[in-house]
């Protein structure tokens, strides 16, 4: 009699698993999750907030992407490389990290290395 109940339980579990798997596949086929164009910016040193503010790009506004911050995920503008080159670091001697990639700089400005950090500069 015990084998009978084990068989019934195994069949019920298998049926539930199959039903769940079929539901997941149907949802994926119906609602394909597509990522937005662009690449997530390089993570800053250290860790970001340890929380999940998004799970995919469709959770983010406008052109932002759902990116890892080192501990969780949050919406960030994608990494952008603008045309032109950066001036020599001597011309922008600011000592701080004002940007991490070109997409954070206004207009045509690029995120360029300074003598001790990065700052937005006009391209050369």
PDB file of N, CA and C in Angstrom:
ATOM      1  N   UNK A   1       0.821  -1.197   0.000  1.00  0.00           N
ATOM      2  CA  UNK A   1       0.000   0.000   0.000  1.00  0.00           C
ATOM      3  C   UNK A   1       0.867   1.264   0.000  1.00  0.00           C
ATOM      4  N   UNK A   2       2.011   1.208   0.732  1.00  0.00           N
ATOM      5  CA  UNK A   2       2.892   2.376   0.782  1.00  0.00           C
ATOM      6  C   UNK A   2       3.444   2.723  -0.596  1.00  0.00           C
ATOM      7  N   UNK A   3       3.783   1.698  -1.385  1.00  0.00           N
ATOM      8  CA  UNK A   3       4.300   1.951  -2.737  1.00  0.00           C
ATOM      9  C   UNK A   3       3.250   2.646  -3.596  1.00  0.00           C
ATOM     10  N   UNK A   4       2.005   2.308  -3.391  1.00  0.00           N
ATOM     11  CA  UNK A   4       0.916   2.928  -4.152  1.00  0.00           C
ATOM     12  C   UNK A   4       0.876   4.437  -3.894  1.00  0.00           C
ATOM     13  N   UNK A   5       0.979   4.857  -2.629  1.00  0.00           N
ATOM     14  CA  UNK A   5       0.940   6.283  -2.299  1.00  0.00           C
ATOM     15  C   UNK A   5       2.166   7.013  -2.834  1.00  0.00           C
ATOM     16  N   UNK A   6       3.318   6.354  -2.794  1.00  0.00           N
ATOM     17  CA  UNK A   6       4.518   6.971  -3.345  1.00  0.00           C
ATOM     18  C   UNK A   6       4.364   7.183  -4.853  1.00  0.00           C
ATOM     19  N   UNK A   7       3.778   6.229  -5.523  1.00  0.00           N
ATOM     20  CA  UNK A   7       3.555   6.349  -6.964  1.00  0.00           C
ATOM     21  C   UNK A   7       2.588   7.487  -7.267  1.00  0.00           C
ATOM     22  N   UNK A   8       1.509   7.579  -6.500  1.00  0.00           N
ATOM     23  CA  UNK A   8       0.529   8.655  -6.690  1.00  0.00           C
ATOM     24  C   UNK A   8       1.181  10.013  -6.437  1.00  0.00           C
ATOM     25  N   UNK A   9       1.945  10.123  -5.352  1.00  0.00           N
ATOM     26  CA  UNK A   9       2.627  11.394  -5.037  1.00  0.00           C
ATOM     27  C   UNK A   9       3.616  11.768  -6.137  1.00  0.00           C
ATOM     28  N   UNK A  10       4.377  10.799  -6.626  1.00  0.00           N
ATOM     29  CA  UNK A  10       5.346  11.066  -7.686  1.00  0.00           C
ATOM     30  C   UNK A  10       4.649  11.542  -8.955  1.00  0.00           C
ATOM     31  N   UNK A  11       3.522  10.932  -9.290  1.00  0.00           N
ATOM     32  CA  UNK A  11       2.768  11.353 -10.473  1.00  0.00           C
ATOM     33  C   UNK A  11       2.214  12.765 -10.317  1.00  0.00           C
ATOM     34  N   UNK A  12       1.726  13.095  -9.130  1.00  0.00           N
ATOM     35  CA  UNK A  12       1.198  14.447  -8.876  1.00  0.00           C
ATOM     36  C   UNK A  12       2.312  15.481  -9.002  1.00  0.00           C
ATOM     37  N   UNK A  13       3.467  15.202  -8.406  1.00  0.00           N
ATOM     38  CA  UNK A  13       4.601  16.127  -8.483  1.00  0.00           C
ATOM     39  C   UNK A  13       5.044  16.294  -9.940  1.00  0.00           C
ATOM     40  N   UNK A  14       5.132  15.198 -10.678  1.00  0.00           N
ATOM     41  CA  UNK A  14       5.537  15.266 -12.085  1.00  0.00           C
ATOM     42  C   UNK A  14       4.539  16.083 -12.902  1.00  0.00           C
ATOM     43  N   UNK A  15       3.254  15.888 -12.668  1.00  0.00           N
ATOM     44  CA  UNK A  15       2.226  16.638 -13.384  1.00  0.00           C
ATOM     45  C   UNK A  15       2.340  18.136 -13.083  1.00  0.00           C
ATOM     46  N   UNK A  16       2.503  18.485 -11.799  1.00  0.00           N
ATOM     47  CA  UNK A  16       2.624  19.907 -11.415  1.00  0.00           C
ATOM     48  C   UNK A  16       3.864  20.537 -12.044  1.00  0.00           C
ATOM     49  N   UNK A  17       4.977  19.808 -12.041  1.00  0.00           N
ATOM     50  CA  UNK A  17       6.209  20.332 -12.635  1.00  0.00           C
ATOM     51  C   UNK A  17       6.027  20.553 -14.133  1.00  0.00           C
ATOM     52  N   UNK A  18       5.385  19.608 -14.804  1.00  0.00           N
ATOM     53  CA  UNK A  18       5.141  19.735 -16.239  1.00  0.00           C
ATOM     54  C   UNK A  18       4.226  20.925 -16.535  1.00  0.00           C
ATOM     55  N   UNK A  19       3.190  21.103 -15.737  1.00  0.00           N
ATOM     56  CA  UNK A  19       2.264  22.226 -15.929  1.00  0.00           C
ATOM     57  C   UNK A  19       2.992  23.554 -15.731  1.00  0.00           C
ATOM     58  N   UNK A  20       3.848  23.632 -14.699  1.00  0.00           N
ATOM     59  CA  UNK A  20       4.608  24.855 -14.433  1.00  0.00           C
ATOM     60  C   UNK A  20       5.569  25.137 -15.590  1.00  0.00           C
ATOM     61  N   UNK A  21       6.287  24.112 -16.050  1.00  0.00           N
ATOM     62  CA  UNK A  21       7.249  24.266 -17.135  1.00  0.00           C
ATOM     63  C   UNK A  21       6.551  24.743 -18.406  1.00  0.00           C
ATOM     64  N   UNK A  22       5.385  24.183 -18.696  1.00  0.00           N
ATOM     65  CA  UNK A  22       4.619  24.573 -19.879  1.00  0.00           C
ATOM     66  C   UNK A  22       4.174  26.032 -19.778  1.00  0.00           C
ATOM     67  N   UNK A  23       3.768  26.472 -18.585  1.00  0.00           N
ATOM     68  CA  UNK A  23       3.347  27.860 -18.372  1.00  0.00           C
ATOM     69  C   UNK A  23       4.508  28.818 -18.596  1.00  0.00           C
ATOM     70  N   UNK A  24       5.687  28.473 -18.077  1.00  0.00           N
ATOM     71  CA  UNK A  24       6.865  29.323 -18.243  1.00  0.00           C
ATOM     72  C   UNK A  24       7.240  29.427 -19.718  1.00  0.00           C
ATOM     73  N   UNK A  25       7.243  28.305 -20.431  1.00  0.00           N
ATOM     74  CA  UNK A  25       7.579  28.339 -21.859  1.00  0.00           C
ATOM     75  C   UNK A  25       6.573  29.157 -22.654  1.00  0.00           C
ATOM     76  N   UNK A  26       5.300  29.042 -22.332  1.00  0.00           N
ATOM     77  CA  UNK A  26       4.268  29.804 -23.040  1.00  0.00           C
ATOM     78  C   UNK A  26       4.457  31.294 -22.815  1.00  0.00           C
ATOM     79  N   UNK A  27       4.756  31.680 -21.582  1.00  0.00           N
ATOM     80  CA  UNK A  27       4.956  33.097 -21.267  1.00  0.00           C
ATOM     81  C   UNK A  27       6.156  33.644 -22.023  1.00  0.00           C
ATOM     82  N   UNK A  28       7.230  32.858 -22.112  1.00  0.00           N
ATOM     83  CA  UNK A  28       8.420  33.323 -22.826  1.00  0.00           C
ATOM     84  C   UNK A  28       8.153  33.453 -24.314  1.00  0.00           C
ATOM     85  N   UNK A  29       7.407  32.520 -24.879  1.00  0.00           N
ATOM     86  CA  UNK A  29       7.114  32.570 -26.311  1.00  0.00           C
ATOM     87  C   UNK A  29       6.223  33.759 -26.634  1.00  0.00           C
ATOM     88  N   UNK A  30       5.300  34.078 -25.749  1.00  0.00           N
ATOM     89  CA  UNK A  30       4.345  35.158 -25.968  1.00  0.00           C
ATOM     90  C   UNK A  30       4.984  36.515 -25.728  1.00  0.00           C
ATOM     91  N   UNK A  31       5.763  36.626 -24.703  1.00  0.00           N
ATOM     92  CA  UNK A  31       6.298  37.924 -24.274  1.00  0.00           C
ATOM     93  C   UNK A  31       7.812  37.875 -24.244  1.00  0.00           C
ATOM     94  N   UNK A  32       8.455  37.893 -25.375  1.00  0.00           N
ATOM     95  CA  UNK A  32       9.910  37.804 -25.425  1.00  0.00           C
ATOM     96  C   UNK A  32      10.517  39.039 -24.765  1.00  0.00           C
ATOM     97  N   UNK A  33      11.497  38.812 -23.895  1.00  0.00           N
ATOM     98  CA  UNK A  33      12.191  39.906 -23.238  1.00  0.00           C
ATOM     99  C   UNK A  33      13.388  40.283 -24.098  1.00  0.00           C
ATOM    100  N   UNK A  34      13.367  41.476 -24.635  1.00  0.00           N
ATOM    101  CA  UNK A  34      14.480  41.917 -25.460  1.00  0.00           C
ATOM    102  C   UNK A  34      15.218  43.016 -24.728  1.00  0.00           C
ATOM    103  N   UNK A  35      16.523  42.957 -24.777  1.00  0.00           N
ATOM    104  CA  UNK A  35      17.334  43.973 -24.137  1.00  0.00           C
ATOM    105  C   UNK A  35      17.424  45.208 -25.011  1.00  0.00           C
ATOM    106  N   UNK A  36      17.623  46.336 -24.375  1.00  0.00           N
ATOM    107  CA  UNK A  36      17.788  47.585 -25.114  1.00  0.00           C
ATOM    108  C   UNK A  36      19.200  47.637 -25.676  1.00  0.00           C
ATOM    109  N   UNK A  37      19.413  48.408 -26.739  1.00  0.00           N
ATOM    110  CA  UNK A  37      20.763  48.488 -27.303  1.00  0.00           C
ATOM    111  C   UNK A  37      21.723  49.157 -26.333  1.00  0.00           C
ATOM    112  N   UNK A  38      22.992  48.882 -26.511  1.00  0.00           N
ATOM    113  CA  UNK A  38      24.014  49.464 -25.660  1.00  0.00           C
ATOM    114  C   UNK A  38      24.575  48.451 -24.685  1.00  0.00           C
ATOM    115  N   UNK A  39      25.582  48.879 -23.952  1.00  0.00           N
ATOM    116  CA  UNK A  39      26.277  48.019 -23.002  1.00  0.00           C
ATOM    117  C   UNK A  39      26.240  48.675 -21.634  1.00  0.00           C
ATOM    118  N   UNK A  40      26.091  47.874 -20.595  1.00  0.00           N
ATOM    119  CA  UNK A  40      26.107  48.421 -19.234  1.00  0.00           C
ATOM    120  C   UNK A  40      27.462  49.052 -18.954  1.00  0.00           C
ATOM    121  N   UNK A  41      27.464  50.177 -18.232  1.00  0.00           N
ATOM    122  CA  UNK A  41      28.739  50.823 -17.915  1.00  0.00           C
ATOM    123  C   UNK A  41      29.576  49.955 -16.986  1.00  0.00           C
ATOM    124  N   UNK A  42      30.872  50.197 -17.016  1.00  0.00           N
ATOM    125  CA  UNK A  42      31.796  49.489 -16.133  1.00  0.00           C
ATOM    126  C   UNK A  42      31.441  49.824 -14.689  1.00  0.00           C
ATOM    127  N   UNK A  43      31.490  48.821 -13.837  1.00  0.00           N
ATOM    128  CA  UNK A  43      31.166  49.058 -12.427  1.00  0.00           C
ATOM    129  C   UNK A  43      32.219  49.939 -11.786  1.00  0.00           C
ATOM    130  N   UNK A  44      31.770  50.810 -10.915  1.00  0.00           N
ATOM    131  CA  UNK A  44      32.689  51.640 -10.150  1.00  0.00           C
ATOM    132  C   UNK A  44      33.354  50.772  -9.097  1.00  0.00           C
ATOM    133  N   UNK A  45      34.416  51.270  -8.519  1.00  0.00           N
ATOM    134  CA  UNK A  45      35.070  50.528  -7.440  1.00  0.00           C
ATOM    135  C   UNK A  45      34.109  50.387  -6.275  1.00  0.00           C
ATOM    136  N   UNK A  46      34.154  49.272  -5.608  1.00  0.00           N
ATOM    137  CA  UNK A  46      33.257  49.039  -4.481  1.00  0.00           C
ATOM    138  C   UNK A  46      31.948  48.446  -4.947  1.00  0.00           C
ATOM    139  N   UNK A  47      30.953  48.553  -4.101  1.00  0.00           N
ATOM    140  CA  UNK A  47      29.652  47.959  -4.388  1.00  0.00           C
ATOM    141  C   UNK A  47      28.567  49.018  -4.372  1.00  0.00           C
ATOM    142  N   UNK A  48      27.514  48.775  -5.137  1.00  0.00           N
ATOM    143  CA  UNK A  48      26.349  49.647  -5.141  1.00  0.00           C
ATOM    144  C   UNK A  48      25.380  49.209  -4.062  1.00  0.00           C
ATOM    145  N   UNK A  49      24.172  49.721  -4.147  1.00  0.00           N
ATOM    146  CA  UNK A  49      23.138  49.343  -3.182  1.00  0.00           C
ATOM    147  C   UNK A  49      22.772  47.877  -3.375  1.00  0.00           C
ATOM    148  N   UNK A  50      22.681  47.157  -2.285  1.00  0.00           N
ATOM    149  CA  UNK A  50      22.380  45.720  -2.338  1.00  0.00           C
ATOM    150  C   UNK A  50      20.875  45.509  -2.394  1.00  0.00           C
ATOM    151  N   UNK A  51      20.294  45.872  -3.538  1.00  0.00           N
ATOM    152  CA  UNK A  51      18.852  45.710  -3.748  1.00  0.00           C
ATOM    153  C   UNK A  51      18.618  45.488  -5.233  1.00  0.00           C
ATOM    154  N   UNK A  52      17.519  44.864  -5.555  1.00  0.00           N
ATOM    155  CA  UNK A  52      17.153  44.604  -6.946  1.00  0.00           C
ATOM    156  C   UNK A  52      16.102  45.633  -7.370  1.00  0.00           C
ATOM    157  N   UNK A  53      16.540  46.709  -8.037  1.00  0.00           N
ATOM    158  CA  UNK A  53      15.634  47.755  -8.497  1.00  0.00           C
ATOM    159  C   UNK A  53      15.062  47.437  -9.878  1.00  0.00           C
ATOM    160  N   UNK A  54      15.650  46.452 -10.571  1.00  0.00           N
ATOM    161  CA  UNK A  54      15.145  46.018 -11.870  1.00  0.00           C
ATOM    162  C   UNK A  54      15.593  44.582 -12.102  1.00  0.00           C
ATOM    163  N   UNK A  55      14.891  43.908 -13.022  1.00  0.00           N
ATOM    164  CA  UNK A  55      15.303  42.540 -13.347  1.00  0.00           C
ATOM    165  C   UNK A  55      15.648  42.402 -14.830  1.00  0.00           C
ATOM    166  N   UNK A  56      15.204  43.342 -15.661  1.00  0.00           N
ATOM    167  CA  UNK A  56      15.578  43.353 -17.078  1.00  0.00           C
ATOM    168  C   UNK A  56      15.394  44.765 -17.627  1.00  0.00           C
ATOM    169  N   UNK A  57      15.887  45.000 -18.833  1.00  0.00           N
ATOM    170  CA  UNK A  57      15.869  46.344 -19.425  1.00  0.00           C
ATOM    171  C   UNK A  57      14.473  46.938 -19.537  1.00  0.00           C
ATOM    172  N   UNK A  58      13.463  46.100 -19.697  1.00  0.00           N
ATOM    173  CA  UNK A  58      12.101  46.629 -19.852  1.00  0.00           C
ATOM    174  C   UNK A  58      11.582  47.271 -18.562  1.00  0.00           C
ATOM    175  N   UNK A  59      12.252  47.026 -17.435  1.00  0.00           N
ATOM    176  CA  UNK A  59      11.879  47.670 -16.172  1.00  0.00           C
ATOM    177  C   UNK A  59      12.411  49.095 -16.085  1.00  0.00           C
ATOM    178  N   UNK A  60      13.285  49.489 -17.010  1.00  0.00           N
ATOM    179  CA  UNK A  60      13.972  50.781 -16.932  1.00  0.00           C
ATOM    180  C   UNK A  60      13.368  51.799 -17.895  1.00  0.00           C
ATOM    181  N   UNK A  61      13.392  53.096 -17.503  1.00  0.00           N
ATOM    182  CA  UNK A  61      12.824  54.139 -18.366  1.00  0.00           C
ATOM    183  C   UNK A  61      13.729  54.464 -19.552  1.00  0.00           C
ATOM    184  N   UNK A  62      13.124  54.988 -20.595  1.00  0.00           N
ATOM    185  CA  UNK A  62      13.823  55.500 -21.773  1.00  0.00           C
ATOM    186  C   UNK A  62      14.875  54.523 -22.290  1.00  0.00           C
ATOM    187  N   UNK A  63      16.117  54.995 -22.413  1.00  0.00           N
ATOM    188  CA  UNK A  63      17.189  54.170 -22.971  1.00  0.00           C
ATOM    189  C   UNK A  63      18.018  53.466 -21.903  1.00  0.00           C
ATOM    190  N   UNK A  64      17.643  53.628 -20.625  1.00  0.00           N
ATOM    191  CA  UNK A  64      18.430  53.014 -19.554  1.00  0.00           C
ATOM    192  C   UNK A  64      18.344  51.496 -19.603  1.00  0.00           C
ATOM    193  N   UNK A  65      19.411  50.849 -19.096  1.00  0.00           N
ATOM    194  CA  UNK A  65      19.494  49.396 -19.056  1.00  0.00           C
ATOM    195  C   UNK A  65      19.540  48.925 -17.606  1.00  0.00           C
ATOM    196  N   UNK A  66      19.128  47.692 -17.377  1.00  0.00           N
ATOM    197  CA  UNK A  66      19.199  47.087 -16.049  1.00  0.00           C
ATOM    198  C   UNK A  66      20.593  46.484 -15.901  1.00  0.00           C
ATOM    199  N   UNK A  67      21.418  47.077 -15.040  1.00  0.00           N
ATOM    200  CA  UNK A  67      22.828  46.689 -14.928  1.00  0.00           C
ATOM    201  C   UNK A  67      23.195  46.317 -13.497  1.00  0.00           C
ATOM    202  N   UNK A  68      24.210  45.475 -13.379  1.00  0.00           N
ATOM    203  CA  UNK A  68      24.729  45.109 -12.062  1.00  0.00           C
ATOM    204  C   UNK A  68      25.483  46.297 -11.484  1.00  0.00           C
ATOM    205  N   UNK A  69      25.281  46.545 -10.194  1.00  0.00           N
ATOM    206  CA  UNK A  69      26.038  47.597  -9.526  1.00  0.00           C
ATOM    207  C   UNK A  69      27.079  47.000  -8.585  1.00  0.00           C
ATOM    208  N   UNK A  70      27.292  45.704  -8.683  1.00  0.00           N
ATOM    209  CA  UNK A  70      28.270  45.033  -7.845  1.00  0.00           C
ATOM    210  C   UNK A  70      27.643  44.269  -6.702  1.00  0.00           C
ATOM    211  N   UNK A  71      26.390  44.595  -6.384  1.00  0.00           N
ATOM    212  CA  UNK A  71      25.691  43.900  -5.299  1.00  0.00           C
ATOM    213  C   UNK A  71      24.250  43.597  -5.678  1.00  0.00           C
ATOM    214  N   UNK A  72      23.630  44.483  -6.428  1.00  0.00           N
ATOM    215  CA  UNK A  72      22.252  44.308  -6.892  1.00  0.00           C
ATOM    216  C   UNK A  72      22.169  44.746  -8.344  1.00  0.00           C
ATOM    217  N   UNK A  73      20.980  45.121  -8.781  1.00  0.00           N
ATOM    218  CA  UNK A  73      20.779  45.625 -10.143  1.00  0.00           C
ATOM    219  C   UNK A  73      19.983  46.923 -10.094  1.00  0.00           C
ATOM    220  N   UNK A  74      20.352  47.876 -10.944  1.00  0.00           N
ATOM    221  CA  UNK A  74      19.624  49.138 -11.030  1.00  0.00           C
ATOM    222  C   UNK A  74      19.680  49.674 -12.455  1.00  0.00           C
ATOM    223  N   UNK A  75      18.769  50.580 -12.772  1.00  0.00           N
ATOM    224  CA  UNK A  75      18.713  51.174 -14.107  1.00  0.00           C
ATOM    225  C   UNK A  75      19.835  52.199 -14.257  1.00  0.00           C
ATOM    226  N   UNK A  76      20.565  52.105 -15.371  1.00  0.00           N
ATOM    227  CA  UNK A  76      21.680  53.015 -15.635  1.00  0.00           C
ATOM    228  C   UNK A  76      21.687  53.378 -17.114  1.00  0.00           C
ATOM    229  N   UNK A  77      22.201  54.574 -17.446  1.00  0.00           N
ATOM    230  CA  UNK A  77      22.348  54.891 -18.867  1.00  0.00           C
ATOM    231  C   UNK A  77      23.415  53.982 -19.474  1.00  0.00           C
ATOM    232  N   UNK A  78      23.232  53.521 -20.711  1.00  0.00           N
ATOM    233  CA  UNK A  78      24.222  52.620 -21.304  1.00  0.00           C
ATOM    234  C   UNK A  78      25.537  53.321 -21.591  1.00  0.00           C
ATOM    235  N   UNK A  79      26.578  52.517 -21.677  1.00  0.00           N
ATOM    236  CA  UNK A  79      27.907  53.004 -22.011  1.00  0.00           C
ATOM    237  C   UNK A  79      27.881  53.538 -23.436  1.00  0.00           C
ATOM    238  N   UNK A  80      28.401  54.725 -23.626  1.00  0.00           N
ATOM    239  CA  UNK A  80      28.408  55.368 -24.941  1.00  0.00           C
ATOM    240  C   UNK A  80      29.828  55.830 -25.249  1.00  0.00           C
ATOM    241  N   UNK A  81      30.291  55.593 -26.458  1.00  0.00           N
ATOM    242  CA  UNK A  81      31.593  56.097 -26.895  1.00  0.00           C
ATOM    243  C   UNK A  81      31.329  57.140 -27.969  1.00  0.00           C
ATOM    244  N   UNK A  82      31.728  58.379 -27.689  1.00  0.00           N
ATOM    245  CA  UNK A  82      31.521  59.470 -28.642  1.00  0.00           C
ATOM    246  C   UNK A  82      32.742  59.624 -29.536  1.00  0.00           C
ATOM    247  N   UNK A  83      32.553  60.291 -30.671  1.00  0.00           N
ATOM    248  CA  UNK A  83      33.632  60.511 -31.626  1.00  0.00           C
ATOM    249  C   UNK A  83      34.665  61.471 -31.057  1.00  0.00           C
ATOM    250  N   UNK A  84      35.873  61.353 -31.587  1.00  0.00           N
ATOM    251  CA  UNK A  84      36.946  62.256 -31.199  1.00  0.00           C
ATOM    252  C   UNK A  84      37.859  61.659 -30.149  1.00  0.00           C
ATOM    253  N   UNK A  85      38.903  62.394 -29.845  1.00  0.00           N
ATOM    254  CA  UNK A  85      39.869  61.959 -28.846  1.00  0.00           C
ATOM    255  C   UNK A  85      39.856  62.875 -27.644  1.00  0.00           C
ATOM    256  N   UNK A  86      40.585  62.483 -26.634  1.00  0.00           N
ATOM    257  CA  UNK A  86      40.673  63.288 -25.410  1.00  0.00           C
ATOM    258  C   UNK A  86      41.934  64.139 -25.432  1.00  0.00           C
ATOM    259  N   UNK A  87      41.861  65.345 -24.857  1.00  0.00           N
ATOM    260  CA  UNK A  87      43.069  66.162 -24.750  1.00  0.00           C
ATOM    261  C   UNK A  87      44.038  65.526 -23.752  1.00  0.00           C
ATOM    262  N   UNK A  88      45.261  65.978 -23.772  1.00  0.00           N
ATOM    263  CA  UNK A  88      46.242  65.463 -22.816  1.00  0.00           C
ATOM    264  C   UNK A  88      45.789  65.757 -21.391  1.00  0.00           C
ATOM    265  N   UNK A  89      46.059  64.876 -20.453  1.00  0.00           N
ATOM    266  CA  UNK A  89      45.597  65.066 -19.073  1.00  0.00           C
ATOM    267  C   UNK A  89      46.045  66.369 -18.427  1.00  0.00           C
ATOM    268  N   UNK A  90      47.151  66.948 -18.874  1.00  0.00           N
ATOM    269  CA  UNK A  90      47.625  68.184 -18.245  1.00  0.00           C
ATOM    270  C   UNK A  90      46.627  69.330 -18.404  1.00  0.00           C
ATOM    271  N   UNK A  91      45.790  69.296 -19.434  1.00  0.00           N
ATOM    272  CA  UNK A  91      44.869  70.405 -19.670  1.00  0.00           C
ATOM    273  C   UNK A  91      43.633  70.353 -18.772  1.00  0.00           C
ATOM    274  N   UNK A  92      43.411  69.250 -18.064  1.00  0.00           N
ATOM    275  CA  UNK A  92      42.253  69.137 -17.173  1.00  0.00           C
ATOM    276  C   UNK A  92      42.704  68.568 -15.827  1.00  0.00           C
ATOM    277  N   UNK A  93      43.377  69.362 -15.018  1.00  0.00           N
ATOM    278  CA  UNK A  93      43.961  68.838 -13.779  1.00  0.00           C
ATOM    279  C   UNK A  93      42.988  68.760 -12.595  1.00  0.00           C
ATOM    280  N   UNK A  94      41.790  68.237 -12.809  1.00  0.00           N
ATOM    281  CA  UNK A  94      40.845  68.075 -11.702  1.00  0.00           C
ATOM    282  C   UNK A  94      41.111  66.740 -11.020  1.00  0.00           C
ATOM    283  N   UNK A  95      40.999  66.709  -9.710  1.00  0.00           N
ATOM    284  CA  UNK A  95      41.299  65.490  -8.971  1.00  0.00           C
ATOM    285  C   UNK A  95      40.013  64.870  -8.431  1.00  0.00           C
ATOM    286  N   UNK A  96      39.235  64.247  -9.312  1.00  0.00           N
ATOM    287  CA  UNK A  96      37.989  63.592  -8.898  1.00  0.00           C
ATOM    288  C   UNK A  96      37.460  62.763 -10.058  1.00  0.00           C
ATOM    289  N   UNK A  97      36.499  61.912  -9.767  1.00  0.00           N
ATOM    290  CA  UNK A  97      35.831  61.110 -10.798  1.00  0.00           C
ATOM    291  C   UNK A  97      34.495  61.785 -11.118  1.00  0.00           C
ATOM    292  N   UNK A  98      34.485  62.668 -12.114  1.00  0.00           N
ATOM    293  CA  UNK A  98      33.266  63.369 -12.501  1.00  0.00           C
ATOM    294  C   UNK A  98      32.437  62.567 -13.503  1.00  0.00           C
ATOM    295  N   UNK A  99      33.047  61.567 -14.139  1.00  0.00           N
ATOM    296  CA  UNK A  99      32.333  60.715 -15.089  1.00  0.00           C
ATOM    297  C   UNK A  99      33.053  59.376 -15.179  1.00  0.00           C
ATOM    298  N   UNK A 100      32.343  58.389 -15.733  1.00  0.00           N
ATOM    299  CA  UNK A 100      32.928  57.062 -15.932  1.00  0.00           C
ATOM    300  C   UNK A 100      32.890  56.649 -17.400  1.00  0.00           C
ATOM    301  N   UNK A 101      32.005  57.274 -18.202  1.00  0.00           N
ATOM    302  CA  UNK A 101      31.946  56.997 -19.637  1.00  0.00           C
ATOM    303  C   UNK A 101      31.349  58.196 -20.361  1.00  0.00           C
ATOM    304  N   UNK A 102      31.567  58.243 -21.664  1.00  0.00           N
ATOM    305  CA  UNK A 102      31.145  59.381 -22.495  1.00  0.00           C
ATOM    306  C   UNK A 102      29.659  59.703 -22.374  1.00  0.00           C
ATOM    307  N   UNK A 103      28.831  58.697 -22.191  1.00  0.00           N
ATOM    308  CA  UNK A 103      27.386  58.906 -22.118  1.00  0.00           C
ATOM    309  C   UNK A 103      26.956  59.778 -20.956  1.00  0.00           C
ATOM    310  N   UNK A 104      27.832  59.966 -19.983  1.00  0.00           N
ATOM    311  CA  UNK A 104      27.498  60.815 -18.838  1.00  0.00           C
ATOM    312  C   UNK A 104      27.859  62.274 -19.086  1.00  0.00           C
ATOM    313  N   UNK A 105      28.475  62.572 -20.214  1.00  0.00           N
ATOM    314  CA  UNK A 105      28.910  63.938 -20.516  1.00  0.00           C
ATOM    315  C   UNK A 105      27.930  64.608 -21.476  1.00  0.00           C
ATOM    316  N   UNK A 106      27.719  65.932 -21.322  1.00  0.00           N
ATOM    317  CA  UNK A 106      26.760  66.643 -22.179  1.00  0.00           C
ATOM    318  C   UNK A 106      27.276  66.817 -23.609  1.00  0.00           C
ATOM    319  N   UNK A 107      26.343  66.894 -24.543  1.00  0.00           N
ATOM    320  CA  UNK A 107      26.675  67.189 -25.938  1.00  0.00           C
ATOM    321  C   UNK A 107      27.729  66.263 -26.514  1.00  0.00           C
ATOM    322  N   UNK A 108      28.750  66.880 -27.140  1.00  0.00           N
ATOM    323  CA  UNK A 108      29.826  66.115 -27.772  1.00  0.00           C
ATOM    324  C   UNK A 108      30.982  65.823 -26.827  1.00  0.00           C
ATOM    325  N   UNK A 109      30.900  66.293 -25.581  1.00  0.00           N
ATOM    326  CA  UNK A 109      32.010  66.093 -24.650  1.00  0.00           C
ATOM    327  C   UNK A 109      32.246  64.613 -24.385  1.00  0.00           C
ATOM    328  N   UNK A 110      33.511  64.292 -24.090  1.00  0.00           N
ATOM    329  CA  UNK A 110      33.923  62.924 -23.789  1.00  0.00           C
ATOM    330  C   UNK A 110      34.385  62.836 -22.341  1.00  0.00           C
ATOM    331  N   UNK A 111      34.310  61.652 -21.780  1.00  0.00           N
ATOM    332  CA  UNK A 111      34.836  61.416 -20.437  1.00  0.00           C
ATOM    333  C   UNK A 111      36.319  61.095 -20.595  1.00  0.00           C
ATOM    334  N   UNK A 112      37.163  62.025 -20.169  1.00  0.00           N
ATOM    335  CA  UNK A 112      38.606  61.899 -20.395  1.00  0.00           C
ATOM    336  C   UNK A 112      39.377  61.793 -19.085  1.00  0.00           C
ATOM    337  N   UNK A 113      40.520  61.121 -19.172  1.00  0.00           N
ATOM    338  CA  UNK A 113      41.396  60.977 -18.015  1.00  0.00           C
ATOM    339  C   UNK A 113      42.006  62.334 -17.679  1.00  0.00           C
ATOM    340  N   UNK A 114      42.067  62.644 -16.406  1.00  0.00           N
ATOM    341  CA  UNK A 114      42.753  63.853 -15.940  1.00  0.00           C
ATOM    342  C   UNK A 114      44.027  63.394 -15.238  1.00  0.00           C
ATOM    343  N   UNK A 115      44.730  64.322 -14.594  1.00  0.00           N
ATOM    344  CA  UNK A 115      45.948  63.921 -13.892  1.00  0.00           C
ATOM    345  C   UNK A 115      45.642  63.009 -12.710  1.00  0.00           C
ATOM    346  N   UNK A 116      44.415  63.064 -12.197  1.00  0.00           N
ATOM    347  CA  UNK A 116      44.053  62.153 -11.091  1.00  0.00           C
ATOM    348  C   UNK A 116      42.544  61.936 -11.045  1.00  0.00           C
ATOM    349  N   UNK A 117      42.001  61.380 -12.113  1.00  0.00           N
ATOM    350  CA  UNK A 117      40.573  61.087 -12.159  1.00  0.00           C
ATOM    351  C   UNK A 117      40.062  61.148 -13.585  1.00  0.00           C
ATOM    352  N   UNK A 118      38.773  61.442 -13.740  1.00  0.00           N
ATOM    353  CA  UNK A 118      38.135  61.586 -15.050  1.00  0.00           C
ATOM    354  C   UNK A 118      37.180  62.770 -15.012  1.00  0.00           C
ATOM    355  N   UNK A 119      37.083  63.497 -16.134  1.00  0.00           N
ATOM    356  CA  UNK A 119      36.180  64.642 -16.232  1.00  0.00           C
ATOM    357  C   UNK A 119      35.706  64.780 -17.673  1.00  0.00           C
ATOM    358  N   UNK A 120      34.570  65.456 -17.872  1.00  0.00           N
ATOM    359  CA  UNK A 120      34.047  65.712 -19.214  1.00  0.00           C
ATOM    360  C   UNK A 120      34.871  66.812 -19.871  1.00  0.00           C
ATOM    361  N   UNK A 121      35.294  66.575 -21.111  1.00  0.00           N
ATOM    362  CA  UNK A 121      36.120  67.540 -21.845  1.00  0.00           C
ATOM    363  C   UNK A 121      35.672  67.600 -23.295  1.00  0.00           C
ATOM    364  N   UNK A 122      35.943  68.726 -23.951  1.00  0.00           N
ATOM    365  CA  UNK A 122      35.676  68.847 -25.379  1.00  0.00           C
ATOM    366  C   UNK A 122      36.653  67.934 -26.116  1.00  0.00           C
ATOM    367  N   UNK A 123      36.181  67.205 -27.122  1.00  0.00           N
ATOM    368  CA  UNK A 123      37.095  66.314 -27.853  1.00  0.00           C
ATOM    369  C   UNK A 123      38.081  67.103 -28.706  1.00  0.00           C
ATOM    370  N   UNK A 124      39.201  66.473 -29.003  1.00  0.00           N
ATOM    371  CA  UNK A 124      40.189  67.138 -29.867  1.00  0.00           C
ATOM    372  C   UNK A 124      40.280  66.422 -31.194  1.00  0.00           C
TER     373      UNK A 124
END
